[in-house]
Every structure is written in structure tokens, then in C-alpha cells.
Amino acid sequence: MHASREARLALAAAALLGTIVALPAFALDASRVPEPNTLVPAGDTHYVVTAFPDRIVATPAQDAATGFSVSWRTDAAIEAPLLEIVVAGDSPDVGAPRRMQAATQALRTENGLAHHHRVDIDGLAPDTLYAWRVQGAGGWWSPWRQLRTAAPPGTPLTLLYFGDTQNKNASLTSRVAREALRHAPDARLALYAGDLVSGGDGEDDNEWGEWFDAARPVASGMLVAPAAGNHEYFEEFEDTPRERRVLGAHWPVSFALPRNGAPGAERTSYWFDVQDARVVVLDGTSALDLGTARAQAQWLDGVLAGSPRAWSLVVIHQPMFSPRQDRDNALLREHVLPVLERHRVDLVLQGHDHVYGRRGGPEAGHGTPQYVVSVAGAKQYRLSDEARRTMAPVAEDTQLFQVVRIDGDTLRYEARTATGRLYDAFSLQPDGSGGRRIVEQTEGRISQRDCIRAATLKGRKDRCWE
């Protein structure tokens, strides 16, 4: 879109004078039109299900060193879908692969009747590169993909963490995924903190199609572990006494997650071990709206108590400490927070609030847990005054990704913007008394980013960008 007449005249005058004029964003916004949530034109069939396998994603088994699971989508013509897997080699002759039969579930959407398939692969060797592919209908196969299983404990691990992607995935989230890979080409795992799509606007399947397109650079070479957000749910019987949250139909068929979740949240909570880390994924929406907070906290306590791994990471959509104005997840602080603090979880990775903010736990003198809220997608909110007082660093109007590197007794964390600039960095190191201390790394960080818009293009003053 073009700038306003006044903005164009100012820029032209600056060009004649040989100077640069920095115009406020709201001056340039005057004649702009909000971008739609998807790039799919009305009535377009780009994401209609076909015989060719798509939406392929590998997720971790409980022990990521010896297995992983794969899910994918085809049309309904296929009768007995297969997955083939073999140890990767240098010759185009891959040898005789192991063949595994998939389980199938049907889902009808605006893009037709789809069959979603799942295979759980076990018995693999640690730290081994495997080639694998999945079958579509009519004799189609996907291209071969390669994925290295997790190495034994003691081996360095690099992983990525993305906050909410949610909307405009193909248009704007896709660049964040590609930039993340440029900075962490050795990553073996990607954690997503929920609200992968927006949903609820009649384009749910198109949105999921765009999410898989945006995530493809990441998902094609590593494991993906998502958390469910509130936008993965919908309101059934809305505005009636029977109103309740119901998990959307895409979630159970899109990801083949470990079946080891908390009571009442079995489909959306899970845990797995990867090298020196135990990763636990919680469902904050179920905890807050469906009464499972206590059950998830008790389950989390047991999962963390039994961990032989040196590091612990917890992923949950809704934050323990909300950096957005007028949000307060008190039920999570009542039930889940004490477990996180008692076990000194190293990182609590969160989303939901569409800003960036980091803070330590409520108990002074400890480096862990570190509570992080981040956003990878286009929707951007505003920080509360309390967040500005209690969190550092903070950011508005910024798409980010995070790189976490675990090597022995040190964890290194970086938050980078969509253009790769360093925004936050620290390391967790032994404190000499059995705990961990935080070492801030300020060199190379860019300055704090704040929203300079008075309102969004749609006129909302409580947000910076739609």
C-alpha cells in the first residue's frame, strides 16, 4: 500500500534536500488496508486435500533417542497408508526400508474430506540419521526426508522456541522460521508455545495449511513439539448457560504426540526426554477453563520428580506472569507455579500475550526458573505498566524467535528478531551450591523496542498490529 499524500510530499522534499525524514508509523498507516489473515483468495482451492501427502510433521517419542512419530494428510482414496524408514546413506540407492502401517482418522473441512495418518516409530538407534517418507493415494509418495534421532545425554543440544504464530502465517511467520534456521542450522527440536492458528473465521483449514507451509523449513528436518493454545479450542454453545471450551478437530489429527499426558488433558499435555533435557508441555486453556489445573500440576510434579535429566523445560501457552494489561492467570500461579519453583525448572517458555518479556521467579536469589513470553507472529499487543516494572528486557511490535543451546552444565539462550538482530541473551551456569545462576549477556543487544502507533489499522488502541 502507498503512504498518504502528506507523507509522499515529505519524502519527496527530503529527497530534494538530500536529507532523510523519519516519519511516525501512524503517518504512513493512514492509507493502508489491513492484510487478510490468510493469503488464500475467497473460493481458492489451494489447500484442497489431494492424493499427494502433505502437512507432514515428525514429533518426539517419549524417548527422542529411540523413536519419533509422524503425521500427514491425504484424500480418502488411500486404503492402507505406509511409512518407509531407513538409515540414511550417501547413495541414491537407499536400500530396503522398514515399512510401517499407519492409523487413520477422517476430518471433513471446507477443503474436503481428509484422511489424517499417524505412525509411531520405535526401536531406532540414538544419534543416527534416518531417511523416511510417507505414502499418499494413487501410488504417490512424499519426497524422502532426513531426521537425526536425539543423541545420548552428555551431547550438546540446540533447539528453537517460537511464541504465538497465530495469524498471517504464510505472509509473515514464514520469514521468522527461515531466519531461525539461518542462526541455528544445527537445531534438532522446535517448540511452539500455542495459538498456532487463529481459527473461528471459517478458514480454519486454510489457516492450518498456511501454518504447515510456514513451518515447513523447520519441520522438514527436525522434531516439532507444539503446545495447545486457546485458539486451538473453540466455544461450544457460545453465549448460553452450556458454553464450554472444546478442543478443535485439527489438533488431535495434525500432531502425533506422546500418549503420556495429565488426567483430563491427555491429548494436549505430554513430556519427552531429548539428550540432557526433559521437556514438559502443559495445556493452560484446559487448566484455566476446564478445571484441570490441579491435575496437571500434580502430574507435572511427578514428571519432574522422576527426571534423570540435568535440565528441565516447561512449555505452556498462558504465562505465569502476564505482561499484557488486564490479564492475570491466577489459577496457574496457584497450582502450577509452586511446582515450577520447587523443582527449579530452568526455562518456562510461554506465549499468549503477543509481546516479549522475561523475568525470574518470585523467590529472590535463584537463577531459575526463567519465565519467558514471546511472539513469532504478526499480531502484536501492548505491554502493561507492571511488565515494564518487573520484566527485563521487554518489547512491543517485534516478531521474535529463540535459540537455546545446552552444553554440559551451561544453557545459553538467545532471543532474536525476525531480521536476526539480538534482543535478549543470557546463560545459566552452576552457582557452586547445587543450583544455577544467571549471567546476563548484554553485548550486541539492540535497544528496547516500543510500539509507536496510536492504534492498529483497524483502529484498536489496545494493540499495536493486527
Protein backbone atom coordinates (compact mmCIF):
# COMPACT_ATOMS: atom_id res chain seq x y z
CA MET A 1 0.00 0.00 0.00
CA HIS A 2 1.02 3.63 -0.53
CA ALA A 3 1.74 6.29 2.05
CA SER A 4 -0.58 9.28 2.44
CA ARG A 5 -0.21 12.34 0.19
CA GLU A 6 1.37 14.30 3.06
CA ALA A 7 3.87 11.50 3.69
CA ARG A 8 4.79 11.31 0.00
CA LEU A 9 5.32 15.05 -0.20
CA ALA A 10 7.55 14.96 2.89
CA LEU A 11 9.65 12.17 1.44
CA ALA A 12 9.93 13.97 -1.91
CA ALA A 13 11.04 17.17 -0.20
CA ALA A 14 13.60 15.25 1.82
CA ALA A 15 14.97 13.67 -1.35
CA LEU A 16 15.39 17.10 -2.96
CA LEU A 17 17.20 18.41 0.10
CA GLY A 18 19.39 15.34 0.41
CA THR A 19 18.08 14.56 3.88
CA ILE A 20 16.21 11.70 5.50
CA VAL A 21 12.96 12.31 7.32
CA ALA A 22 11.80 9.68 9.80
CA LEU A 23 8.01 9.63 9.65
CA PRO A 24 5.97 8.17 12.52
CA ALA A 25 4.38 4.85 11.72
CA PHE A 26 0.86 6.19 12.17
CA ALA A 27 1.50 8.81 9.46
CA LEU A 28 2.38 6.06 7.00
CA ASP A 29 -0.58 3.93 8.16
CA ALA A 30 -3.24 6.43 7.07
CA SER A 31 -3.95 4.95 3.64
CA ARG A 32 -3.08 1.33 4.35
CA VAL A 33 -5.60 -1.51 4.39
CA PRO A 34 -5.35 -4.38 6.93
CA GLU A 35 -3.91 -7.55 5.42
CA PRO A 36 -6.25 -10.56 5.49
CA ASN A 37 -5.46 -13.41 7.84
CA THR A 38 -4.55 -15.79 5.02
CA LEU A 39 -3.16 -15.27 1.53
CA VAL A 40 -5.85 -17.57 0.12
CA PRO A 41 -8.34 -15.66 -2.08
CA ALA A 42 -12.02 -16.35 -1.46
CA GLY A 43 -13.06 -19.56 -3.19
CA ASP A 44 -9.49 -20.62 -3.94
CA THR A 45 -8.74 -24.37 -3.75
CA HIS A 46 -5.04 -24.17 -2.91
CA TYR A 47 -5.40 -26.27 0.26
CA VAL A 48 -7.99 -28.73 -1.00
CA VAL A 49 -6.95 -32.23 0.02
CA THR A 50 -5.42 -34.36 -2.77
CA ALA A 51 -3.83 -37.75 -3.30
CA PHE A 52 -0.41 -36.26 -2.64
CA PRO A 53 0.68 -36.43 1.04
CA ASP A 54 1.03 -33.06 2.76
CA ARG A 55 1.14 -31.49 6.26
CA ILE A 56 3.93 -33.89 7.16
CA VAL A 57 5.42 -33.39 10.61
CA ALA A 58 7.58 -35.50 12.95
CA THR A 59 7.03 -35.26 16.68
CA PRO A 60 9.13 -36.72 19.52
CA ALA A 61 8.53 -40.05 21.17
CA GLN A 62 8.82 -40.13 24.95
CA ASP A 63 12.46 -41.08 24.39
CA ALA A 64 13.53 -39.00 21.41
CA ALA A 65 16.74 -41.04 21.09
CA THR A 66 14.95 -44.23 20.09
CA GLY A 67 11.82 -43.09 18.27
CA PHE A 68 9.59 -40.43 16.82
CA SER A 69 6.09 -40.20 15.36
CA VAL A 70 4.90 -38.87 12.02
CA SER A 71 1.53 -37.47 10.93
CA TRP A 72 0.38 -36.47 7.46
CA ARG A 73 -2.73 -35.84 5.35
CA THR A 74 -4.14 -37.30 2.11
CA ASP A 75 -7.52 -37.59 0.48
CA ALA A 76 -9.80 -40.51 1.26
CA ALA A 77 -8.75 -42.66 -1.71
CA ILE A 78 -5.88 -44.37 0.10
CA GLU A 79 -6.72 -47.66 1.84
CA ALA A 80 -3.56 -48.71 3.69
CA PRO A 81 -1.08 -45.80 4.01
CA LEU A 82 2.53 -46.64 4.79
CA LEU A 83 5.66 -45.02 6.11
CA GLU A 84 9.11 -46.17 4.99
CA ILE A 85 12.26 -45.54 7.03
CA VAL A 86 15.91 -46.49 6.56
CA VAL A 87 19.29 -45.39 7.88
CA ALA A 88 20.35 -42.57 5.58
CA GLY A 89 23.30 -43.19 3.28
CA ASP A 90 25.25 -41.39 0.61
CA SER A 91 23.96 -43.44 -2.34
CA PRO A 92 20.64 -42.78 -4.08
CA ASP A 93 20.07 -46.49 -3.51
CA VAL A 94 18.55 -46.21 -0.06
CA GLY A 95 18.35 -49.97 0.37
CA ALA A 96 15.42 -51.94 1.72
CA PRO A 97 13.45 -49.68 4.09
CA ARG A 98 11.39 -50.75 7.05
CA ARG A 99 7.68 -50.39 6.23
CA MET A 100 5.11 -49.40 8.85
CA GLN A 101 1.32 -49.26 8.60
CA ALA A 102 -0.40 -46.02 9.60
CA ALA A 103 -3.51 -45.47 11.69
CA THR A 104 -6.04 -43.15 10.04
CA GLN A 105 -8.68 -40.65 11.19
CA ALA A 106 -11.07 -38.73 8.95
CA LEU A 107 -11.74 -34.99 9.12
CA ARG A 108 -14.09 -33.02 6.87
CA THR A 109 -13.39 -29.29 6.46
CA GLU A 110 -14.03 -26.51 3.96
CA ASN A 111 -11.29 -28.16 1.88
CA GLY A 112 -12.96 -31.56 1.65
CA LEU A 113 -12.78 -34.93 3.36
CA ALA A 114 -9.23 -35.63 4.51
CA HIS A 115 -7.65 -38.72 5.97
CA HIS A 116 -5.01 -37.93 8.60
CA HIS A 117 -2.45 -40.66 9.24
CA ARG A 118 -0.14 -41.49 12.14
CA VAL A 119 2.83 -43.81 12.54
CA ASP A 120 4.78 -44.29 15.79
CA ILE A 121 8.34 -45.38 15.02
CA ASP A 122 10.30 -47.20 17.72
CA GLY A 123 13.47 -49.24 18.03
CA LEU A 124 15.74 -46.62 16.45
CA ALA A 125 19.40 -46.07 17.24
CA PRO A 126 20.41 -42.87 19.09
CA ASP A 127 22.18 -40.07 17.23
CA THR A 128 21.51 -41.69 13.87
CA LEU A 129 20.39 -40.01 10.66
CA TYR A 130 17.32 -41.67 9.16
CA ALA A 131 15.66 -41.14 5.80
CA TRP A 132 11.91 -41.57 5.73
CA ARG A 133 8.90 -40.90 3.53
CA VAL A 134 5.13 -41.32 3.68
CA GLN A 135 2.61 -42.66 1.22
CA GLY A 136 -0.25 -40.88 -0.46
CA ALA A 137 -3.07 -42.21 -2.59
CA GLY A 138 -2.74 -43.48 -6.16
CA GLY A 139 0.87 -44.56 -5.73
CA TRP A 140 2.16 -41.15 -4.64
CA TRP A 141 4.98 -40.89 -2.09
CA SER A 142 6.37 -37.83 -0.39
CA PRO A 143 9.99 -36.88 -1.01
CA TRP A 144 12.48 -38.54 1.33
CA ARG A 145 13.13 -36.51 4.45
CA GLN A 146 16.05 -36.87 6.86
CA LEU A 147 15.95 -36.62 10.64
CA ARG A 148 18.60 -37.42 13.23
CA THR A 149 17.45 -39.07 16.43
CA ALA A 150 18.42 -37.50 19.73
CA ALA A 151 21.90 -38.27 20.99
CA PRO A 152 22.64 -39.77 24.43
CA PRO A 153 22.83 -37.46 27.46
CA GLY A 154 26.05 -35.50 27.56
CA THR A 155 25.78 -34.44 23.92
CA PRO A 156 25.23 -30.73 23.13
CA LEU A 157 21.66 -29.86 22.07
CA THR A 158 20.32 -26.91 20.09
CA LEU A 159 16.60 -26.21 19.98
CA LEU A 160 14.28 -23.44 18.77
CA TYR A 161 11.36 -21.86 20.61
CA PHE A 162 8.58 -19.87 18.91
CA GLY A 163 5.86 -17.90 20.66
CA ASP A 164 2.41 -17.50 19.10
CA THR A 165 2.35 -17.70 15.30
CA GLN A 166 -1.47 -17.49 15.04
CA ASN A 167 -2.25 -15.33 12.02
CA LYS A 168 -0.75 -14.28 8.70
CA ASN A 169 1.41 -17.39 8.93
CA ALA A 170 2.30 -17.70 5.26
CA SER A 171 2.78 -13.97 4.85
CA LEU A 172 4.81 -13.04 7.94
CA THR A 173 5.58 -16.01 10.23
CA SER A 174 7.37 -17.85 7.43
CA ARG A 175 10.26 -15.39 7.43
CA VAL A 176 10.81 -15.97 11.15
CA ALA A 177 11.17 -19.72 10.60
CA ARG A 178 13.73 -19.23 7.84
CA GLU A 179 15.73 -16.72 9.87
CA ALA A 180 15.73 -19.08 12.85
CA LEU A 181 17.28 -21.82 10.71
CA ARG A 182 19.93 -19.41 9.47
CA HIS A 183 21.04 -18.81 13.07
CA ALA A 184 20.62 -22.39 14.30
CA PRO A 185 21.20 -24.81 11.42
CA ASP A 186 22.13 -27.50 13.94
CA ALA A 187 18.77 -27.38 15.77
CA ARG A 188 17.12 -30.78 16.35
CA LEU A 189 13.89 -29.65 18.03
CA ALA A 190 11.37 -26.83 17.65
CA LEU A 191 9.00 -25.88 20.48
CA TYR A 192 5.82 -23.92 19.67
CA ALA A 193 4.05 -22.19 22.56
CA GLY A 194 0.48 -22.44 21.25
CA ASP A 195 -2.02 -20.44 19.18
CA LEU A 196 -0.51 -21.83 16.02
CA VAL A 197 -3.56 -20.54 14.10
CA SER A 198 -6.33 -18.06 14.82
CA GLY A 199 -9.37 -20.12 13.81
CA GLY A 200 -13.01 -19.32 14.17
CA ASP A 201 -13.37 -17.35 10.94
CA GLY A 202 -14.50 -20.08 8.56
CA GLU A 203 -11.00 -20.58 7.18
CA ASP A 204 -9.68 -22.96 9.81
CA ASP A 205 -8.30 -25.49 7.33
CA ASN A 206 -6.73 -22.80 5.16
CA GLU A 207 -5.08 -21.41 8.28
CA TRP A 208 -3.71 -24.83 9.18
CA GLY A 209 -2.47 -25.21 5.61
CA GLU A 210 -0.62 -21.91 5.90
CA TRP A 211 0.83 -22.88 9.28
CA PHE A 212 2.29 -26.05 7.80
CA ASP A 213 3.65 -24.04 4.87
CA ALA A 214 5.26 -21.52 7.23
CA ALA A 215 6.68 -24.27 9.45
CA ARG A 216 7.90 -26.47 6.60
CA PRO A 217 11.53 -25.22 6.64
CA VAL A 218 11.69 -26.18 10.32
CA ALA A 219 9.52 -29.30 10.27
CA SER A 220 11.26 -30.87 7.29
CA GLY A 221 14.47 -31.51 9.23
CA MET A 222 13.74 -31.72 12.95
CA LEU A 223 11.22 -32.73 15.57
CA VAL A 224 8.33 -30.38 16.34
CA ALA A 225 6.70 -30.19 19.80
CA PRO A 226 3.67 -27.86 19.99
CA ALA A 227 1.59 -26.66 22.92
CA ALA A 228 -2.14 -26.10 22.51
CA GLY A 229 -3.33 -22.52 22.93
CA ASN A 230 -6.79 -21.09 23.46
CA HIS A 231 -7.15 -20.65 19.69
CA GLU A 232 -6.77 -24.39 19.24
CA TYR A 233 -10.09 -24.55 21.10
CA PHE A 234 -13.49 -23.15 20.17
CA GLU A 235 -16.52 -22.10 22.18
CA GLU A 236 -19.37 -24.63 22.02
CA PHE A 237 -22.86 -23.30 22.84
CA GLU A 238 -21.41 -19.79 22.95
CA ASP A 239 -23.38 -17.18 24.93
CA THR A 240 -25.59 -19.83 26.55
CA PRO A 241 -25.52 -21.43 30.01
CA ARG A 242 -23.98 -24.53 28.33
CA GLU A 243 -20.99 -22.60 26.94
CA ARG A 244 -17.72 -24.50 27.21
CA ARG A 245 -14.31 -24.86 25.60
CA VAL A 246 -13.92 -27.72 23.14
CA LEU A 247 -10.64 -28.80 21.57
CA GLY A 248 -10.67 -28.11 17.83
CA ALA A 249 -10.83 -31.07 15.47
CA HIS A 250 -7.50 -30.31 13.79
CA TRP A 251 -5.33 -30.70 16.90
CA PRO A 252 -5.70 -34.45 17.55
CA VAL A 253 -5.10 -35.39 13.90
CA SER A 254 -2.39 -32.86 12.99
CA PHE A 255 0.21 -33.94 15.58
CA ALA A 256 1.17 -37.44 16.70
CA LEU A 257 2.04 -36.57 20.30
CA PRO A 258 3.24 -38.88 23.08
CA ARG A 259 0.37 -40.54 24.90
CA ASN A 260 1.57 -39.80 28.44
CA GLY A 261 -0.40 -36.67 29.37
CA ALA A 262 -2.08 -35.43 32.52
CA PRO A 263 -5.52 -36.70 33.59
CA GLY A 264 -8.20 -34.66 31.86
CA ALA A 265 -5.70 -33.18 29.38
CA GLU A 266 -4.40 -36.39 27.81
CA ARG A 267 -4.48 -35.09 24.24
CA THR A 268 -2.79 -31.77 24.89
CA SER A 269 -0.18 -32.39 27.60
CA TYR A 270 2.85 -34.64 27.30
CA TRP A 271 6.52 -34.98 28.10
CA PHE A 272 9.65 -36.36 26.47
CA ASP A 273 13.38 -36.64 27.00
CA VAL A 274 15.87 -35.27 24.49
CA GLN A 275 19.59 -35.53 25.30
CA ASP A 276 20.21 -33.67 28.60
CA ALA A 277 16.72 -32.14 28.80
CA ARG A 278 13.29 -33.24 29.95
CA VAL A 279 10.62 -31.20 28.15
CA VAL A 280 7.10 -30.99 29.59
CA VAL A 281 4.20 -29.45 27.66
CA LEU A 282 1.14 -28.24 29.58
CA ASP A 283 -2.32 -27.11 28.43
CA GLY A 284 -3.07 -23.76 30.01
CA THR A 285 -6.51 -23.45 28.41
CA SER A 286 -7.63 -26.74 29.90
CA ALA A 287 -6.17 -25.70 33.26
CA LEU A 288 -7.92 -22.32 33.29
CA ASP A 289 -11.24 -23.14 31.62
CA LEU A 290 -11.81 -26.87 32.02
CA GLY A 291 -10.78 -27.43 35.64
CA THR A 292 -7.58 -29.43 35.13
CA ALA A 293 -5.11 -27.04 36.81
CA ARG A 294 -4.71 -29.17 39.94
CA ALA A 295 -4.45 -32.44 37.99
CA GLN A 296 -1.86 -31.01 35.60
CA ALA A 297 0.17 -29.61 38.49
CA GLN A 298 0.21 -32.97 40.26
CA TRP A 299 1.16 -34.74 37.05
CA LEU A 300 3.91 -32.18 36.38
CA ASP A 301 5.25 -32.71 39.88
CA GLY A 302 5.60 -36.44 39.25
CA VAL A 303 7.16 -35.99 35.80
CA LEU A 304 9.77 -33.58 37.12
CA ALA A 305 10.48 -35.58 40.29
CA GLY A 306 11.29 -38.65 38.26
CA SER A 307 13.57 -36.95 35.77
CA PRO A 308 17.14 -38.21 35.40
CA ARG A 309 17.98 -35.33 33.05
CA ALA A 310 20.12 -32.37 34.07
CA TRP A 311 17.85 -29.72 32.56
CA SER A 312 14.09 -29.15 32.59
CA LEU A 313 11.99 -27.04 30.23
CA VAL A 314 8.25 -26.43 30.51
CA VAL A 315 6.13 -25.10 27.65
CA ILE A 316 2.69 -23.61 28.28
CA HIS A 317 0.61 -21.14 26.31
CA GLN A 318 -0.71 -18.84 29.06
CA PRO A 319 2.00 -17.15 31.16
CA MET A 320 2.51 -17.44 34.88
CA PHE A 321 3.11 -13.66 34.90
CA SER A 322 1.21 -11.89 32.15
CA PRO A 323 2.96 -8.92 30.51
CA ARG A 324 -0.24 -7.72 28.81
CA GLN A 325 -2.58 -5.29 30.52
CA ASP A 326 -5.70 -6.77 32.19
CA ARG A 327 -4.62 -10.41 32.06
CA ASP A 328 -3.98 -12.44 35.18
CA ASN A 329 -3.75 -16.22 35.17
CA ALA A 330 -4.10 -16.58 38.93
CA LEU A 331 -5.15 -20.23 38.76
CA LEU A 332 -1.84 -21.16 37.13
CA ARG A 333 0.09 -19.35 39.84
CA GLU A 334 -1.94 -21.13 42.50
CA HIS A 335 -1.38 -24.67 41.21
CA VAL A 336 1.41 -24.79 38.61
CA LEU A 337 3.81 -22.07 39.75
CA PRO A 338 4.71 -23.76 43.09
CA VAL A 339 5.70 -26.92 41.20
CA LEU A 340 7.89 -24.94 38.79
CA GLU A 341 9.58 -23.15 41.67
CA ARG A 342 10.01 -26.23 43.83
CA HIS A 343 11.74 -28.16 41.05
CA ARG A 344 13.75 -25.16 39.89
CA VAL A 345 12.64 -25.65 36.29
CA ASP A 346 15.22 -23.92 34.12
CA LEU A 347 13.07 -22.33 31.42
CA VAL A 348 9.31 -21.77 31.31
CA LEU A 349 8.51 -20.92 27.68
CA GLN A 350 5.16 -19.17 27.11
CA GLY A 351 3.06 -17.24 24.60
CA HIS A 352 -0.48 -15.81 24.55
CA ASP A 353 0.30 -12.14 25.21
CA HIS A 354 1.95 -11.16 21.89
CA VAL A 355 4.78 -9.13 23.41
CA TYR A 356 8.21 -10.07 24.73
CA GLY A 357 9.04 -10.18 28.41
CA ARG A 358 11.38 -12.10 30.71
CA ARG A 359 11.56 -12.32 34.48
CA GLY A 360 12.94 -14.57 37.17
CA GLY A 361 10.85 -16.39 39.74
CA PRO A 362 9.26 -14.81 42.81
CA GLU A 363 11.93 -16.21 45.13
CA ALA A 364 14.97 -13.95 45.17
CA GLY A 365 18.49 -15.27 44.88
CA HIS A 366 17.86 -18.04 42.37
CA GLY A 367 18.72 -18.05 38.68
CA THR A 368 15.90 -20.42 37.83
CA PRO A 369 13.19 -20.61 36.74
CA GLN A 370 13.41 -18.02 33.99
CA TYR A 371 9.93 -17.15 32.69
CA VAL A 372 9.79 -16.01 29.06
CA VAL A 373 6.87 -14.76 26.97
CA SER A 374 7.45 -14.31 23.24
CA VAL A 375 5.61 -13.90 19.93
CA ALA A 376 6.64 -15.09 16.48
CA GLY A 377 3.59 -13.99 14.51
CA ALA A 378 2.08 -10.77 13.21
CA LYS A 379 -0.40 -9.91 15.97
CA GLN A 380 1.22 -7.52 18.45
CA TYR A 381 -0.20 -6.29 21.78
CA ARG A 382 0.96 -3.66 24.26
CA LEU A 383 2.89 -4.11 27.50
CA SER A 384 1.36 -3.41 30.87
CA ASP A 385 2.95 -0.93 33.23
CA GLU A 386 3.62 -3.78 35.64
CA ALA A 387 5.52 -5.71 32.96
CA ARG A 388 7.73 -2.70 32.37
CA ARG A 389 8.48 -2.62 36.11
CA THR A 390 9.01 -6.34 36.70
CA MET A 391 10.40 -7.72 33.44
CA ALA A 392 13.59 -7.06 31.51
CA PRO A 393 14.04 -6.95 28.67
CA VAL A 394 10.59 -6.27 27.21
CA ALA A 395 9.45 -5.50 23.67
CA GLU A 396 6.42 -4.48 21.65
CA ASP A 397 5.87 -4.59 17.88
CA THR A 398 8.54 -7.26 17.35
CA GLN A 399 8.48 -10.71 15.80
CA LEU A 400 10.99 -13.00 17.53
CA PHE A 401 12.44 -16.48 17.67
CA GLN A 402 14.60 -18.05 20.38
CA VAL A 403 17.64 -20.31 20.19
CA VAL A 404 18.50 -22.45 23.22
CA ARG A 405 21.81 -24.32 23.40
CA ILE A 406 22.52 -26.84 26.16
CA ASP A 407 26.11 -28.00 26.54
CA GLY A 408 27.04 -29.83 29.73
CA ASP A 409 26.46 -27.61 32.76
CA THR A 410 25.66 -24.47 30.72
CA LEU A 411 22.48 -23.36 28.96
CA ARG A 412 22.69 -20.43 26.55
CA TYR A 413 19.59 -18.53 25.48
CA GLU A 414 19.16 -16.01 22.68
CA ALA A 415 16.07 -14.12 21.52
CA ARG A 416 16.43 -12.64 18.05
CA THR A 417 14.14 -10.51 15.93
CA ALA A 418 12.70 -11.51 12.57
CA THR A 419 15.74 -9.93 10.91
CA GLY A 420 18.16 -11.83 13.15
CA ARG A 421 19.15 -8.99 15.48
CA LEU A 422 19.99 -9.99 19.06
CA TYR A 423 17.36 -8.79 21.53
CA ASP A 424 17.98 -10.82 24.68
CA ALA A 425 20.70 -13.23 25.80
CA PHE A 426 21.79 -14.95 28.97
CA SER A 427 23.34 -18.16 30.20
CA LEU A 428 22.52 -20.43 33.13
CA GLN A 429 25.58 -21.79 34.90
CA PRO A 430 26.37 -23.66 38.16
CA ASP A 431 26.24 -21.38 41.19
CA GLY A 432 28.55 -23.54 43.31
CA SER A 433 25.83 -24.69 45.72
CA GLY A 434 23.90 -27.14 43.57
CA GLY A 435 21.72 -24.52 41.90
CA ARG A 436 22.13 -22.26 38.90
CA ARG A 437 22.92 -18.61 38.49
CA ILE A 438 22.00 -16.40 35.57
CA VAL A 439 24.68 -14.50 33.65
CA GLU A 440 23.26 -11.69 31.55
CA GLN A 441 24.87 -11.16 28.14
CA THR A 442 24.21 -7.60 27.03
CA GLU A 443 26.85 -7.16 24.34
CA GLY A 444 25.33 -6.90 20.88
CA ARG A 445 21.74 -6.45 22.03
CA ILE A 446 19.66 -3.84 20.23
CA SER A 447 17.75 -1.17 22.14
CA GLN A 448 14.30 -1.72 23.62
CA ARG A 449 11.52 -1.70 21.04
CA ASP A 450 8.22 0.02 21.85
CA CYS A 451 5.11 0.46 19.74
CA ILE A 452 4.92 3.96 18.27
CA ARG A 453 1.45 3.55 16.73
CA ALA A 454 -1.56 5.14 18.38
CA ALA A 455 -3.80 2.35 17.06
CA THR A 456 -3.88 -0.54 14.63
CA LEU A 457 -5.08 -0.16 11.05
CA LYS A 458 -8.48 -1.32 12.31
CA GLY A 459 -8.49 1.38 14.98
CA ARG A 460 -7.77 -0.77 18.03
CA LYS A 461 -5.81 1.14 20.64
CA ASP A 462 -5.15 -1.91 22.84
CA ARG A 463 -2.94 -3.44 20.14
CA CYS A 464 -0.01 -2.35 18.04
CA TRP A 465 -0.64 -4.54 14.99
CA GLU A 466 -3.37 -6.95 13.91
